[in-house]
């Protein structure tokens, strides 16, 4: 196993351990007096950054990506956690490969569900533009993504250390849903830290 993948694996296990401890300490079925986490000021809600393993299960594996993401405030903040989940935040972000393989910029919507004031889960959906290969014939160490832009989805499981700081295990995926000649997709895994302004 490569050192980068080992380091990311250990980090993901640590995050999973913290989340498991939090989940066992709280009765997730008990009704909570819902109080949303820190919401941000102005238009900006949160800034996130982290390191992702670049497509470890396919071509272009063996390198790392730097991920940066900006989330904007919700237009409304319902008092019920289920209703609050249904109102997304708009996000803008980039995933930059550190060795010159496929990088991307993306935008979309993020939905967050708070299990407790500390434990949360997220899903996002949108689109991304990339600088990767799109032709049918590419070098053996590169991936052909068929076209650009692509659909982009992500999922995260996170833990808030304070109203402002959080850490999350994240998986992101980009593909063309079969709309172009090739559709292998690209999937990155890693850990990110968030700061609510």
N, C-alpha and C. Protein backbone atom coordinates (compact mmCIF):
# COMPACT_ATOMS: atom_id res chain seq x y z
N UNK A 1 0.85 -1.19 0.00
CA UNK A 1 0.00 0.00 0.00
C UNK A 1 0.88 1.24 0.00
N UNK A 2 0.54 2.22 -0.82
CA UNK A 2 1.34 3.43 -0.91
C UNK A 2 1.21 4.25 0.38
N UNK A 3 2.26 5.04 0.74
CA UNK A 3 2.19 5.84 1.97
C UNK A 3 1.00 6.79 1.99
N UNK A 4 0.68 7.41 0.85
CA UNK A 4 -0.45 8.34 0.80
C UNK A 4 -1.75 7.62 1.12
N UNK A 5 -1.97 6.45 0.50
CA UNK A 5 -3.20 5.71 0.75
C UNK A 5 -3.25 5.22 2.19
N UNK A 6 -2.13 4.81 2.74
CA UNK A 6 -2.08 4.38 4.13
C UNK A 6 -2.43 5.53 5.06
N UNK A 7 -1.85 6.71 4.81
CA UNK A 7 -2.13 7.89 5.65
C UNK A 7 -3.60 8.28 5.58
N UNK A 8 -4.16 8.29 4.37
CA UNK A 8 -5.58 8.63 4.24
C UNK A 8 -6.45 7.57 4.88
N UNK A 9 -6.05 6.30 4.77
CA UNK A 9 -6.81 5.23 5.41
C UNK A 9 -6.83 5.37 6.91
N UNK A 10 -5.69 5.69 7.51
CA UNK A 10 -5.61 5.90 8.96
C UNK A 10 -6.47 7.09 9.37
N UNK A 11 -6.41 8.18 8.58
CA UNK A 11 -7.20 9.38 8.90
C UNK A 11 -8.69 9.07 8.83
N UNK A 12 -9.11 8.32 7.80
CA UNK A 12 -10.52 7.96 7.68
C UNK A 12 -10.97 7.07 8.84
N UNK A 13 -10.11 6.13 9.27
CA UNK A 13 -10.44 5.28 10.41
C UNK A 13 -10.58 6.11 11.69
N UNK A 14 -9.72 7.12 11.85
CA UNK A 14 -9.81 7.98 13.04
C UNK A 14 -11.12 8.75 13.03
N UNK A 15 -11.50 9.31 11.87
CA UNK A 15 -12.76 10.03 11.78
C UNK A 15 -13.92 9.08 12.07
N UNK A 16 -13.88 7.87 11.49
CA UNK A 16 -14.94 6.89 11.72
C UNK A 16 -15.04 6.53 13.20
N UNK A 17 -13.88 6.41 13.88
CA UNK A 17 -13.88 6.10 15.30
C UNK A 17 -14.53 7.19 16.13
N UNK A 18 -14.20 8.44 15.83
CA UNK A 18 -14.81 9.57 16.54
C UNK A 18 -16.32 9.58 16.31
N UNK A 19 -16.73 9.36 15.05
CA UNK A 19 -18.14 9.37 14.73
C UNK A 19 -18.88 8.23 15.42
N UNK A 20 -18.26 7.07 15.48
CA UNK A 20 -18.89 5.92 16.15
C UNK A 20 -19.07 6.19 17.64
N UNK A 21 -18.05 6.79 18.26
CA UNK A 21 -18.15 7.12 19.69
C UNK A 21 -19.27 8.12 19.93
N UNK A 22 -19.36 9.13 19.06
CA UNK A 22 -20.41 10.13 19.20
C UNK A 22 -21.79 9.51 19.03
N UNK A 23 -21.91 8.62 18.03
CA UNK A 23 -23.20 8.00 17.77
C UNK A 23 -23.63 7.12 18.93
N UNK A 24 -22.68 6.39 19.54
CA UNK A 24 -23.02 5.52 20.66
C UNK A 24 -23.33 6.32 21.92
N UNK A 25 -22.79 7.53 22.02
CA UNK A 25 -23.02 8.36 23.20
C UNK A 25 -24.37 9.07 23.14
N UNK A 26 -24.95 9.18 21.94
CA UNK A 26 -26.21 9.89 21.79
C UNK A 26 -27.28 8.94 21.28
N UNK A 27 -28.48 9.07 21.82
CA UNK A 27 -29.61 8.30 21.31
C UNK A 27 -30.15 9.02 20.09
N UNK A 28 -29.82 8.51 18.88
CA UNK A 28 -30.19 9.19 17.65
C UNK A 28 -31.68 9.10 17.36
N UNK A 29 -32.41 8.27 18.12
CA UNK A 29 -33.85 8.16 17.89
C UNK A 29 -34.63 9.12 18.78
N UNK A 30 -33.99 9.68 19.79
CA UNK A 30 -34.69 10.58 20.70
C UNK A 30 -34.93 11.92 20.02
N UNK A 31 -36.13 12.51 20.20
CA UNK A 31 -36.38 13.82 19.62
C UNK A 31 -35.48 14.87 20.28
N UNK A 32 -34.95 15.77 19.46
CA UNK A 32 -34.08 16.81 19.96
C UNK A 32 -34.75 18.16 19.79
N UNK A 33 -34.46 19.07 20.71
CA UNK A 33 -34.84 20.46 20.50
C UNK A 33 -33.83 21.00 19.51
N UNK A 34 -34.22 21.08 18.24
CA UNK A 34 -33.26 21.36 17.18
C UNK A 34 -32.77 22.79 17.23
N UNK A 35 -31.47 22.92 17.25
CA UNK A 35 -30.83 24.23 17.15
C UNK A 35 -29.80 24.09 16.04
N UNK A 36 -29.93 24.82 14.93
CA UNK A 36 -28.98 24.66 13.84
C UNK A 36 -27.58 25.06 14.27
N UNK A 37 -26.58 24.47 13.63
CA UNK A 37 -25.20 24.87 13.92
C UNK A 37 -24.95 26.29 13.46
N UNK A 38 -23.73 26.78 13.69
CA UNK A 38 -23.39 28.12 13.25
C UNK A 38 -23.71 28.26 11.76
N UNK A 39 -24.33 29.38 11.39
CA UNK A 39 -24.86 29.53 10.05
C UNK A 39 -24.01 30.40 9.14
N UNK A 40 -23.00 31.08 9.63
CA UNK A 40 -22.21 31.97 8.79
C UNK A 40 -22.82 33.37 8.78
N UNK A 41 -22.10 34.29 8.22
CA UNK A 41 -22.55 35.68 8.15
C UNK A 41 -22.54 36.13 6.70
N UNK A 42 -23.39 37.10 6.39
CA UNK A 42 -23.44 37.59 5.02
C UNK A 42 -23.88 36.49 4.08
N UNK A 43 -23.21 36.39 2.94
CA UNK A 43 -23.55 35.37 1.95
C UNK A 43 -22.79 34.07 2.17
N UNK A 44 -21.65 34.14 2.85
CA UNK A 44 -20.78 32.98 2.99
C UNK A 44 -21.13 32.21 4.26
N UNK A 45 -21.30 30.91 4.10
CA UNK A 45 -21.60 30.05 5.24
C UNK A 45 -20.34 29.37 5.77
N UNK A 46 -19.57 28.74 4.86
CA UNK A 46 -18.50 27.87 5.33
C UNK A 46 -17.40 27.73 4.27
N UNK A 47 -16.18 27.57 4.73
CA UNK A 47 -15.03 27.28 3.87
C UNK A 47 -14.48 25.92 4.29
N UNK A 48 -14.21 25.06 3.28
CA UNK A 48 -13.69 23.72 3.56
C UNK A 48 -12.43 23.46 2.75
N UNK A 49 -11.58 22.63 3.30
CA UNK A 49 -10.38 22.22 2.59
C UNK A 49 -9.94 20.86 3.07
N UNK A 50 -9.27 20.12 2.19
CA UNK A 50 -8.82 18.80 2.60
C UNK A 50 -7.98 18.13 1.54
N UNK A 51 -7.67 16.86 1.81
CA UNK A 51 -6.84 16.05 0.93
C UNK A 51 -7.62 14.80 0.57
N UNK A 52 -7.63 14.47 -0.74
CA UNK A 52 -8.35 13.31 -1.23
C UNK A 52 -7.39 12.38 -1.96
N UNK A 53 -7.60 11.08 -1.83
CA UNK A 53 -6.87 10.11 -2.64
C UNK A 53 -7.49 10.13 -4.03
N UNK A 54 -6.67 10.30 -5.07
CA UNK A 54 -7.16 10.48 -6.43
C UNK A 54 -7.49 9.14 -7.09
N UNK A 55 -8.78 8.90 -7.31
CA UNK A 55 -9.28 7.72 -8.04
C UNK A 55 -8.54 6.43 -7.68
N UNK A 56 -8.47 6.06 -6.40
CA UNK A 56 -7.62 4.93 -5.99
C UNK A 56 -8.02 3.58 -6.59
N UNK A 57 -9.26 3.43 -7.04
CA UNK A 57 -9.69 2.13 -7.57
C UNK A 57 -9.58 2.04 -9.09
N UNK A 58 -9.01 3.06 -9.74
CA UNK A 58 -8.95 3.04 -11.20
C UNK A 58 -7.71 3.71 -11.74
N UNK A 59 -7.74 4.05 -13.01
CA UNK A 59 -6.62 4.74 -13.64
C UNK A 59 -6.36 6.08 -12.97
N UNK A 60 -5.13 6.56 -13.10
CA UNK A 60 -4.66 7.81 -12.48
C UNK A 60 -4.52 7.67 -10.97
N UNK A 61 -4.57 6.45 -10.43
CA UNK A 61 -4.44 6.30 -8.98
C UNK A 61 -3.00 6.55 -8.54
N UNK A 62 -2.81 6.67 -7.23
CA UNK A 62 -1.47 6.82 -6.67
C UNK A 62 -1.06 8.25 -6.39
N UNK A 63 -1.98 9.22 -6.54
CA UNK A 63 -1.63 10.61 -6.23
C UNK A 63 -2.70 11.21 -5.33
N UNK A 64 -2.51 12.45 -4.97
CA UNK A 64 -3.42 13.13 -4.05
C UNK A 64 -4.03 14.35 -4.73
N UNK A 65 -5.20 14.73 -4.25
CA UNK A 65 -5.88 15.95 -4.67
C UNK A 65 -6.01 16.88 -3.47
N UNK A 66 -5.95 18.17 -3.75
CA UNK A 66 -6.28 19.19 -2.76
C UNK A 66 -7.68 19.68 -3.10
N UNK A 67 -8.57 19.66 -2.13
CA UNK A 67 -9.95 20.09 -2.34
C UNK A 67 -10.23 21.35 -1.55
N UNK A 68 -10.82 22.34 -2.20
CA UNK A 68 -11.27 23.57 -1.56
C UNK A 68 -12.72 23.80 -1.95
N UNK A 69 -13.55 24.21 -0.99
CA UNK A 69 -14.97 24.38 -1.27
C UNK A 69 -15.53 25.53 -0.44
N UNK A 70 -16.37 26.33 -1.07
CA UNK A 70 -17.05 27.45 -0.43
C UNK A 70 -18.54 27.18 -0.47
N UNK A 71 -19.20 27.29 0.69
CA UNK A 71 -20.64 27.10 0.76
C UNK A 71 -21.31 28.40 1.15
N UNK A 72 -22.47 28.67 0.56
CA UNK A 72 -23.21 29.90 0.83
C UNK A 72 -24.35 29.62 1.79
N UNK A 73 -24.85 30.66 2.44
CA UNK A 73 -25.90 30.50 3.44
C UNK A 73 -27.20 30.04 2.80
N UNK A 74 -28.02 29.37 3.58
CA UNK A 74 -29.34 28.96 3.11
C UNK A 74 -30.24 30.20 3.01
N UNK A 75 -31.15 30.20 2.04
CA UNK A 75 -32.06 31.35 1.95
C UNK A 75 -33.02 31.42 3.15
N UNK A 76 -33.36 30.23 3.70
CA UNK A 76 -34.16 30.17 4.94
C UNK A 76 -33.60 29.03 5.78
N UNK A 77 -33.86 29.09 7.10
CA UNK A 77 -33.39 28.05 8.01
C UNK A 77 -34.57 27.56 8.84
N UNK A 78 -35.27 26.50 8.39
CA UNK A 78 -36.39 25.98 9.16
C UNK A 78 -35.95 25.46 10.53
N UNK A 79 -36.87 25.46 11.48
CA UNK A 79 -36.56 25.03 12.85
C UNK A 79 -36.60 23.51 13.01
N UNK A 80 -37.17 22.81 12.05
CA UNK A 80 -37.26 21.36 12.10
C UNK A 80 -36.08 20.75 11.34
N UNK A 81 -35.38 19.74 11.89
CA UNK A 81 -34.21 19.19 11.20
C UNK A 81 -34.51 18.57 9.85
N UNK A 82 -35.68 17.94 9.69
CA UNK A 82 -36.03 17.36 8.39
C UNK A 82 -36.27 18.46 7.38
N UNK A 83 -37.01 19.48 7.76
CA UNK A 83 -37.24 20.60 6.85
C UNK A 83 -35.95 21.36 6.56
N UNK A 84 -35.09 21.48 7.57
CA UNK A 84 -33.80 22.15 7.35
C UNK A 84 -32.95 21.37 6.35
N UNK A 85 -33.04 20.04 6.38
CA UNK A 85 -32.30 19.22 5.42
C UNK A 85 -32.76 19.49 3.99
N UNK A 86 -34.05 19.73 3.81
CA UNK A 86 -34.60 19.91 2.46
C UNK A 86 -34.16 21.22 1.82
N UNK A 87 -33.68 22.16 2.60
CA UNK A 87 -33.20 23.44 2.05
C UNK A 87 -31.69 23.34 1.86
N UNK A 88 -31.20 23.33 0.61
CA UNK A 88 -29.76 23.15 0.39
C UNK A 88 -28.97 24.45 0.48
N UNK A 89 -27.66 24.29 0.58
CA UNK A 89 -26.74 25.40 0.39
C UNK A 89 -26.10 25.28 -0.99
N UNK A 90 -25.86 26.39 -1.64
CA UNK A 90 -25.12 26.38 -2.91
C UNK A 90 -23.64 26.27 -2.59
N UNK A 91 -22.91 25.46 -3.36
CA UNK A 91 -21.46 25.35 -3.16
C UNK A 91 -20.71 25.61 -4.46
N UNK A 92 -19.49 26.10 -4.32
CA UNK A 92 -18.52 26.23 -5.39
C UNK A 92 -17.23 25.60 -4.90
N UNK A 93 -16.55 24.83 -5.77
CA UNK A 93 -15.33 24.19 -5.29
C UNK A 93 -14.38 23.79 -6.39
N UNK A 94 -13.24 23.30 -5.97
CA UNK A 94 -12.25 22.79 -6.90
C UNK A 94 -11.52 21.61 -6.27
N UNK A 95 -11.17 20.65 -7.10
CA UNK A 95 -10.33 19.53 -6.70
C UNK A 95 -9.12 19.53 -7.63
N UNK A 96 -7.95 19.80 -7.06
CA UNK A 96 -6.74 20.00 -7.85
C UNK A 96 -5.79 18.83 -7.62
N UNK A 97 -5.44 18.13 -8.69
CA UNK A 97 -4.52 17.01 -8.57
C UNK A 97 -3.09 17.53 -8.43
N UNK A 98 -2.31 16.89 -7.57
CA UNK A 98 -0.97 17.40 -7.25
C UNK A 98 0.11 16.95 -8.23
N UNK A 99 -0.20 16.04 -9.18
CA UNK A 99 0.81 15.60 -10.13
C UNK A 99 0.39 15.85 -11.58
N UNK A 100 -0.63 16.68 -11.80
CA UNK A 100 -1.02 17.04 -13.14
C UNK A 100 -2.05 16.14 -13.80
N UNK A 101 -2.62 15.19 -13.04
CA UNK A 101 -3.71 14.40 -13.59
C UNK A 101 -5.00 15.22 -13.53
N UNK A 102 -6.14 14.58 -13.69
CA UNK A 102 -7.41 15.29 -13.83
C UNK A 102 -7.74 16.14 -12.60
N UNK A 103 -7.99 17.43 -12.84
CA UNK A 103 -8.47 18.37 -11.83
C UNK A 103 -9.82 18.90 -12.29
N UNK A 104 -10.56 19.52 -11.37
CA UNK A 104 -11.89 20.00 -11.73
C UNK A 104 -12.28 21.23 -10.93
N UNK A 105 -13.24 21.97 -11.47
CA UNK A 105 -13.97 22.99 -10.73
C UNK A 105 -15.44 22.59 -10.80
N UNK A 106 -16.21 22.89 -9.77
CA UNK A 106 -17.58 22.40 -9.72
C UNK A 106 -18.49 23.34 -8.95
N UNK A 107 -19.78 23.15 -9.14
CA UNK A 107 -20.81 23.91 -8.43
C UNK A 107 -22.04 23.02 -8.28
N UNK A 108 -22.86 23.34 -7.28
CA UNK A 108 -24.06 22.55 -7.08
C UNK A 108 -24.73 22.88 -5.77
N UNK A 109 -25.45 21.90 -5.25
CA UNK A 109 -26.24 22.07 -4.03
C UNK A 109 -25.81 21.04 -2.99
N UNK A 110 -25.76 21.45 -1.73
CA UNK A 110 -25.38 20.58 -0.61
C UNK A 110 -26.52 20.51 0.39
N UNK A 111 -26.92 19.29 0.74
CA UNK A 111 -27.95 19.06 1.75
C UNK A 111 -27.29 18.47 2.99
N UNK A 112 -27.55 19.06 4.16
CA UNK A 112 -26.94 18.63 5.42
C UNK A 112 -28.01 18.18 6.39
N UNK A 113 -27.81 17.00 7.00
CA UNK A 113 -28.72 16.53 8.05
C UNK A 113 -27.94 16.41 9.35
N UNK A 114 -28.45 17.06 10.40
CA UNK A 114 -27.81 17.04 11.72
C UNK A 114 -28.44 15.95 12.57
N UNK A 115 -27.68 14.88 12.84
CA UNK A 115 -28.16 13.84 13.75
C UNK A 115 -28.18 14.36 15.18
N UNK A 116 -27.13 15.08 15.54
CA UNK A 116 -27.03 15.76 16.83
C UNK A 116 -26.40 17.12 16.54
N UNK A 117 -26.08 17.87 17.60
CA UNK A 117 -25.41 19.15 17.36
C UNK A 117 -23.97 18.95 16.90
N UNK A 118 -23.45 17.72 16.97
CA UNK A 118 -22.08 17.44 16.55
C UNK A 118 -21.99 16.52 15.33
N UNK A 119 -22.85 15.53 15.24
CA UNK A 119 -22.77 14.52 14.18
C UNK A 119 -23.70 14.89 13.03
N UNK A 120 -23.17 14.88 11.79
CA UNK A 120 -23.99 15.24 10.64
C UNK A 120 -23.59 14.43 9.42
N UNK A 121 -24.49 14.39 8.45
CA UNK A 121 -24.24 13.74 7.17
C UNK A 121 -24.65 14.70 6.06
N UNK A 122 -24.01 14.55 4.91
CA UNK A 122 -24.30 15.43 3.78
C UNK A 122 -24.31 14.67 2.47
N UNK A 123 -25.09 15.17 1.53
CA UNK A 123 -25.02 14.74 0.14
C UNK A 123 -25.02 16.01 -0.71
N UNK A 124 -24.40 15.92 -1.88
CA UNK A 124 -24.42 17.07 -2.78
C UNK A 124 -24.56 16.58 -4.21
N UNK A 125 -25.05 17.46 -5.07
CA UNK A 125 -25.19 17.15 -6.49
C UNK A 125 -25.01 18.42 -7.29
N UNK A 126 -24.42 18.26 -8.48
CA UNK A 126 -24.20 19.41 -9.34
C UNK A 126 -23.44 19.00 -10.58
N UNK A 127 -22.61 19.91 -11.07
CA UNK A 127 -21.85 19.67 -12.29
C UNK A 127 -20.43 20.17 -12.10
N UNK A 128 -19.50 19.58 -12.87
CA UNK A 128 -18.10 19.99 -12.78
C UNK A 128 -17.44 20.00 -14.14
N UNK A 129 -16.54 20.95 -14.34
CA UNK A 129 -15.70 21.01 -15.53
C UNK A 129 -14.32 20.49 -15.15
N UNK A 130 -13.69 19.75 -16.05
CA UNK A 130 -12.39 19.16 -15.73
C UNK A 130 -11.40 19.40 -16.86
N UNK A 131 -10.12 19.20 -16.56
CA UNK A 131 -9.06 19.36 -17.56
C UNK A 131 -8.49 18.01 -18.00
N UNK A 132 -9.24 16.94 -17.72
CA UNK A 132 -8.77 15.59 -18.05
C UNK A 132 -8.98 15.24 -19.51
N UNK A 133 -8.70 13.99 -19.83
CA UNK A 133 -8.80 13.49 -21.19
C UNK A 133 -10.25 13.16 -21.54
N UNK A 134 -10.62 13.41 -22.80
CA UNK A 134 -11.98 13.10 -23.25
C UNK A 134 -12.01 12.23 -24.52
N UNK A 135 -10.87 12.04 -25.17
CA UNK A 135 -10.86 11.25 -26.41
C UNK A 135 -10.94 9.76 -26.10
N UNK A 136 -11.20 8.98 -27.13
CA UNK A 136 -11.31 7.53 -26.94
C UNK A 136 -9.96 6.88 -26.65
N UNK A 137 -8.88 7.46 -27.16
CA UNK A 137 -7.56 6.86 -27.02
C UNK A 137 -6.70 7.75 -26.13
N UNK A 138 -6.32 7.23 -24.97
CA UNK A 138 -5.52 7.98 -24.00
C UNK A 138 -4.38 7.10 -23.53
N UNK A 139 -3.32 7.69 -22.96
CA UNK A 139 -2.23 6.88 -22.40
C UNK A 139 -2.76 5.92 -21.33
N UNK A 140 -2.04 4.84 -21.11
CA UNK A 140 -2.48 3.80 -20.19
C UNK A 140 -2.65 4.30 -18.76
N UNK A 141 -1.91 5.36 -18.40
CA UNK A 141 -1.98 5.86 -17.03
C UNK A 141 -2.97 7.02 -16.87
N UNK A 142 -3.75 7.32 -17.90
CA UNK A 142 -4.75 8.38 -17.83
C UNK A 142 -6.14 7.79 -18.02
N UNK A 143 -7.15 8.55 -17.67
CA UNK A 143 -8.53 8.10 -17.78
C UNK A 143 -9.25 8.97 -18.80
N UNK A 144 -10.08 8.37 -19.64
CA UNK A 144 -10.90 9.13 -20.58
C UNK A 144 -12.29 9.31 -19.98
N UNK A 145 -12.65 10.55 -19.72
CA UNK A 145 -13.94 10.83 -19.09
C UNK A 145 -15.04 11.13 -20.10
N UNK A 146 -14.71 11.08 -21.38
CA UNK A 146 -15.74 11.18 -22.42
C UNK A 146 -16.11 12.58 -22.84
N UNK A 147 -16.33 13.47 -21.88
CA UNK A 147 -16.72 14.84 -22.20
C UNK A 147 -16.58 15.71 -20.96
N UNK A 148 -16.84 16.98 -21.13
CA UNK A 148 -16.87 17.94 -20.03
C UNK A 148 -17.91 18.99 -20.41
N UNK A 149 -18.81 19.38 -19.50
CA UNK A 149 -18.83 19.07 -18.07
C UNK A 149 -19.36 17.67 -17.78
N UNK A 150 -19.23 17.29 -16.48
CA UNK A 150 -19.72 16.01 -15.99
C UNK A 150 -20.69 16.26 -14.83
N UNK A 151 -21.50 15.26 -14.53
CA UNK A 151 -22.28 15.29 -13.30
C UNK A 151 -21.34 15.04 -12.12
N UNK A 152 -21.56 15.71 -11.01
CA UNK A 152 -20.74 15.50 -9.81
C UNK A 152 -21.64 15.29 -8.59
N UNK A 153 -21.31 14.27 -7.82
CA UNK A 153 -22.01 14.00 -6.56
C UNK A 153 -20.97 13.78 -5.47
N UNK A 154 -21.38 14.03 -4.23
CA UNK A 154 -20.49 13.72 -3.10
C UNK A 154 -21.32 13.36 -1.89
N UNK A 155 -20.68 12.70 -0.94
CA UNK A 155 -21.30 12.36 0.33
C UNK A 155 -20.26 12.51 1.42
N UNK A 156 -20.69 12.99 2.58
CA UNK A 156 -19.77 13.18 3.71
C UNK A 156 -20.45 12.76 5.00
N UNK A 157 -19.63 12.29 5.94
CA UNK A 157 -20.06 12.05 7.31
C UNK A 157 -19.13 12.86 8.18
N UNK A 158 -19.69 13.73 9.02
CA UNK A 158 -18.84 14.68 9.73
C UNK A 158 -19.12 14.81 11.21
N UNK A 159 -18.16 15.46 11.87
CA UNK A 159 -18.22 15.69 13.31
C UNK A 159 -17.80 17.13 13.59
N UNK A 160 -18.61 17.87 14.37
CA UNK A 160 -18.30 19.25 14.75
C UNK A 160 -17.59 19.26 16.10
N UNK A 161 -16.37 19.79 16.10
CA UNK A 161 -15.64 19.95 17.36
C UNK A 161 -16.12 21.17 18.13
N UNK A 162 -16.66 22.14 17.41
CA UNK A 162 -17.18 23.37 18.00
C UNK A 162 -18.23 23.92 17.03
N UNK A 163 -18.94 24.99 17.38
CA UNK A 163 -19.89 25.54 16.42
C UNK A 163 -19.24 25.97 15.10
N UNK A 164 -17.93 26.23 15.11
CA UNK A 164 -17.26 26.72 13.91
C UNK A 164 -16.43 25.67 13.17
N UNK A 165 -15.86 24.68 13.88
CA UNK A 165 -14.93 23.74 13.26
C UNK A 165 -15.52 22.35 13.14
N UNK A 166 -15.28 21.70 11.99
CA UNK A 166 -15.74 20.33 11.79
C UNK A 166 -14.73 19.56 10.96
N UNK A 167 -14.82 18.23 11.03
CA UNK A 167 -14.01 17.35 10.20
C UNK A 167 -14.95 16.34 9.56
N UNK A 168 -14.67 15.96 8.32
CA UNK A 168 -15.57 15.03 7.64
C UNK A 168 -14.83 14.08 6.73
N UNK A 169 -15.31 12.85 6.66
CA UNK A 169 -14.85 11.88 5.68
C UNK A 169 -15.73 12.08 4.44
N UNK A 170 -15.09 12.20 3.27
CA UNK A 170 -15.82 12.58 2.05
C UNK A 170 -15.46 11.66 0.89
N UNK A 171 -16.47 11.35 0.08
CA UNK A 171 -16.26 10.69 -1.20
C UNK A 171 -16.92 11.56 -2.27
N UNK A 172 -16.21 11.81 -3.37
CA UNK A 172 -16.78 12.57 -4.48
C UNK A 172 -16.65 11.76 -5.76
N UNK A 173 -17.64 11.90 -6.65
CA UNK A 173 -17.67 11.14 -7.90
C UNK A 173 -18.10 12.05 -9.04
N UNK A 174 -17.41 11.92 -10.18
CA UNK A 174 -17.80 12.64 -11.39
C UNK A 174 -17.92 11.64 -12.54
N UNK A 175 -19.00 11.75 -13.33
CA UNK A 175 -19.16 10.91 -14.51
C UNK A 175 -20.16 11.58 -15.44
N UNK A 176 -20.32 10.99 -16.64
CA UNK A 176 -21.21 11.61 -17.62
C UNK A 176 -22.55 10.90 -17.76
N UNK A 177 -22.83 9.93 -16.91
CA UNK A 177 -24.11 9.21 -16.90
C UNK A 177 -24.42 8.55 -18.23
N UNK A 178 -23.38 8.16 -18.96
CA UNK A 178 -23.59 7.48 -20.23
C UNK A 178 -23.96 8.39 -21.39
N UNK A 179 -23.83 9.71 -21.22
CA UNK A 179 -24.17 10.65 -22.28
C UNK A 179 -23.05 10.84 -23.28
N UNK A 180 -21.85 10.37 -22.98
CA UNK A 180 -20.71 10.48 -23.88
C UNK A 180 -20.18 9.09 -24.20
N UNK A 181 -19.19 9.00 -25.09
CA UNK A 181 -18.74 7.69 -25.56
C UNK A 181 -18.07 6.84 -24.50
N UNK A 182 -17.42 7.46 -23.50
CA UNK A 182 -16.82 6.71 -22.40
C UNK A 182 -17.41 7.22 -21.09
N UNK A 183 -17.57 6.31 -20.12
CA UNK A 183 -18.13 6.72 -18.84
C UNK A 183 -17.52 5.93 -17.68
N UNK A 184 -16.18 5.94 -17.54
CA UNK A 184 -15.59 5.22 -16.41
C UNK A 184 -15.80 5.96 -15.09
N UNK A 185 -15.97 7.27 -15.15
CA UNK A 185 -16.10 8.06 -13.94
C UNK A 185 -14.79 8.18 -13.19
N UNK A 186 -14.78 9.07 -12.22
CA UNK A 186 -13.61 9.26 -11.37
C UNK A 186 -14.11 9.47 -9.95
N UNK A 187 -13.55 8.74 -9.00
CA UNK A 187 -14.01 8.77 -7.61
C UNK A 187 -12.84 9.01 -6.68
N UNK A 188 -12.94 10.02 -5.84
CA UNK A 188 -11.89 10.40 -4.90
C UNK A 188 -12.41 10.27 -3.47
N UNK A 189 -11.52 9.87 -2.55
CA UNK A 189 -11.87 9.68 -1.14
C UNK A 189 -10.91 10.46 -0.27
N UNK A 190 -11.40 11.03 0.82
CA UNK A 190 -10.46 11.71 1.70
C UNK A 190 -11.10 12.34 2.92
N UNK A 191 -10.37 13.28 3.50
CA UNK A 191 -10.77 13.95 4.73
C UNK A 191 -10.71 15.45 4.51
N UNK A 192 -11.73 16.15 5.00
CA UNK A 192 -11.76 17.60 4.88
C UNK A 192 -12.05 18.25 6.24
N UNK A 193 -11.64 19.48 6.38
CA UNK A 193 -11.92 20.29 7.57
C UNK A 193 -12.77 21.48 7.13
N UNK A 194 -13.79 21.80 7.91
CA UNK A 194 -14.65 22.93 7.59
C UNK A 194 -14.59 23.99 8.66
N UNK A 195 -14.74 25.26 8.23
CA UNK A 195 -14.81 26.39 9.18
C UNK A 195 -16.00 27.26 8.81
N UNK A 196 -16.94 27.42 9.75
CA UNK A 196 -18.09 28.29 9.56
C UNK A 196 -17.71 29.68 10.03
N UNK A 197 -17.94 30.67 9.20
CA UNK A 197 -17.56 32.05 9.54
C UNK A 197 -18.52 32.65 10.56
